[in-house]
Protein backbone atom coordinates (compact mmCIF):
# COMPACT_ATOMS: atom_id res chain seq x y z
CA MET A 1 -38.64 -58.16 -53.72
CA GLN A 2 -41.66 -57.66 -55.94
CA SER A 3 -42.23 -59.74 -59.04
CA ASN A 4 -44.99 -60.46 -61.51
CA VAL A 5 -46.04 -64.11 -61.47
CA ARG A 6 -48.01 -65.78 -64.24
CA TYR A 7 -50.40 -68.54 -63.16
CA SER A 8 -51.42 -71.61 -65.16
CA ASP A 9 -54.79 -70.01 -65.98
CA GLY A 10 -52.91 -67.18 -67.73
CA SER A 11 -53.59 -64.58 -65.07
CA GLN A 12 -50.77 -62.49 -63.72
CA ARG A 13 -50.37 -61.06 -60.24
CA LYS A 14 -47.80 -59.08 -58.32
CA CYS A 15 -46.19 -61.14 -55.58
CA TYR A 16 -43.85 -60.16 -52.80
CA PHE A 17 -40.97 -62.45 -51.96
CA PHE A 18 -39.37 -61.86 -48.60
CA TRP A 19 -37.48 -64.98 -47.58
CA ARG A 20 -34.17 -63.15 -47.29
CA PRO A 21 -33.92 -60.52 -44.56
CA ASN A 22 -31.43 -58.43 -46.57
CA LEU A 23 -33.80 -57.93 -49.55
CA GLU A 24 -36.18 -55.01 -50.06
CA ASP A 25 -39.15 -56.56 -48.23
CA GLY A 26 -36.97 -58.70 -45.97
CA TYR A 27 -38.42 -57.21 -42.82
CA LEU A 28 -41.36 -59.59 -43.46
CA SER A 29 -39.11 -62.66 -43.48
CA ASN A 30 -39.40 -65.45 -40.89
CA TRP A 31 -35.58 -65.47 -40.96
CA LEU A 32 -35.19 -61.82 -39.91
CA TYR A 33 -33.03 -61.61 -36.78
CA SER A 34 -35.54 -60.64 -34.13
CA ARG A 35 -34.89 -62.06 -30.68
CA PHE A 36 -37.86 -62.92 -28.50
CA LYS A 37 -38.85 -65.29 -25.71
CA ALA A 38 -41.59 -67.91 -25.47
CA VAL A 39 -42.61 -70.36 -22.79
CA ASP A 40 -42.38 -74.10 -23.36
CA GLU A 41 -45.82 -75.28 -22.25
CA ASP A 42 -44.45 -78.74 -21.42
CA THR A 43 -41.75 -77.54 -19.02
CA GLY A 44 -42.77 -73.98 -18.12
CA LYS A 45 -39.27 -72.81 -19.08
CA THR A 46 -38.73 -69.56 -20.97
CA ILE A 47 -36.83 -70.09 -24.22
CA ASP A 48 -34.92 -67.52 -26.31
CA PHE A 49 -35.41 -67.56 -30.08
CA TYR A 50 -33.45 -65.56 -32.64
CA CYS A 51 -36.13 -65.47 -35.35
CA SER A 52 -39.71 -66.61 -35.88
CA GLU A 53 -38.60 -69.41 -38.24
CA GLN A 54 -36.59 -71.01 -35.43
CA TYR A 55 -39.69 -70.83 -33.24
CA PHE A 56 -41.87 -72.39 -35.96
CA MET A 57 -39.44 -75.26 -36.54
CA TRP A 58 -39.08 -75.86 -32.78
CA SER A 59 -42.88 -75.79 -32.34
CA LYS A 60 -43.39 -78.36 -35.09
CA ALA A 61 -40.79 -80.68 -33.56
CA LYS A 62 -42.54 -80.37 -30.18
CA LEU A 63 -45.96 -80.95 -31.80
CA PHE A 64 -44.74 -84.24 -33.26
CA GLY A 65 -43.08 -85.28 -30.01
CA ASP A 66 -39.51 -85.05 -31.32
CA ASP A 67 -37.74 -83.51 -28.34
CA GLU A 68 -34.30 -84.44 -29.71
CA ILE A 69 -34.81 -82.39 -32.88
CA ALA A 70 -36.46 -79.59 -30.88
CA GLN A 71 -33.30 -79.36 -28.76
CA LYS A 72 -31.06 -79.36 -31.85
CA ILE A 73 -33.11 -76.51 -33.29
CA LEU A 74 -32.54 -74.50 -30.10
CA GLU A 75 -28.80 -75.19 -30.31
CA THR A 76 -28.47 -73.77 -33.82
CA LYS A 77 -26.82 -70.40 -34.27
CA TYR A 78 -28.22 -67.58 -36.37
CA ASP A 79 -26.55 -67.34 -39.78
CA PRO A 80 -26.84 -63.82 -41.24
CA LYS A 81 -25.69 -65.14 -44.66
CA LEU A 82 -29.08 -66.70 -45.43
């Protein structure tokens, strides 16, 4: 979705909003259903992700040492009604 945004200095720019996969530019969204695998460097296990946003959230939980939240993130199901 393209929109004109006015900044506090009075300038105006075109911006692209793509947080919802079902919108015009949604193919750029972190929430777009796009299964892939990555390796957990701590365990060497291969993990399935359903979108890049799930991977980002999981990675941040791992970075901060919160394995409980990281596991909960992996247990979430994809919701196409974003």
